[in-house]
Amino acid sequence: MNKRPVLWLLGIGTPALLLAGWWLASAGSTDTFFPPLADILDRFRALWLFDHFASDVLVSLRNLALGYAIAALAAVAVGFVTALAAPVRWAVDPLIHFLRGIPPVALVPIFISLMGFGPEMRVASIALAAFFPTFIATVDGLRAVDRGLLDVAQVYRLSRRDRVVTVLLPAASPQIFSGLQVSLQTAFVVMIASEMLGPSQGIGAMTLLAQQSFMISDMWSGILLLGVIGFAANFLFDLVRRKVLAWYIGSRRLARAS
């Protein structure tokens, strides 16, 4: 029996039921802080699909994409160098462990002091915060590569480049993708935090402004938009992960079936 349609139905049905429950529970509400979902959706359409789409939504998505891309590329590259070169590992490890102990949101005021409130500050703070999960996952994944694979590569006299591309990277890729997923979540949190500090553009800034101005329906619509973006980002990431790691997922299924 193919369980995939059932799983898809559950994945779609659960959010639909929650929205239906929210709609019924809030219908006719006169509570200032708990407006009807219909009002929130009206403000969602007006704000985020029209008035503030180009000026705030696209700005937030651009900062998130740039910061995350920089973090992912830098973390994988530095992770490979750190894992494969013992002197680099000994030199870098203390600094990495010191910096990753600092909460990512705590880095935002430092970047504001150094770079102001411009988009460069937001991209830099997102990139630094998202760097560490992928970096650590890359190093751990490379250290955990089966020694037998490395011995086979040595027997076949593979060059260093071929060894990295055909042996090390595929073997470590499942763990690297786990780190990339954590980095995506971290980047999303820091994106919102960086927009909430100081006068700025972005979804986080508009949501905070709505809360401070007692425009509660606007505030709820901003929170709803952040949830939608977070869901969509993780959905797209999972599609890419399944495509890239199809060989790994297939081998795990065969192992469980045998």
Foldseek 3Di string as FASTA:
>chain_A
DDCVVVVVCVVVVVVVVVVVVQQVVQVPDPDLQRHHVVLLVVLLCVDCVPPCVVPAVVLLVVLLVLLLVLLLVVLLVLLVVLQVDPVNVVVCVVVLVVVLVDQLLVCLVVLCVVPNLDSVSLSPSLNVQLNNLLNVLNNVQQVPFDVVLVVVCVVVPPDPVCCVPPGRCLSSVVSNLVSSVVSSVRSLVSSLSSLCPDPDGYLNVQLNVCVVVSVNSNNVSSVVVSVVVVVVVVVVSVVVCCVVCVVVVVVVVVVVVD
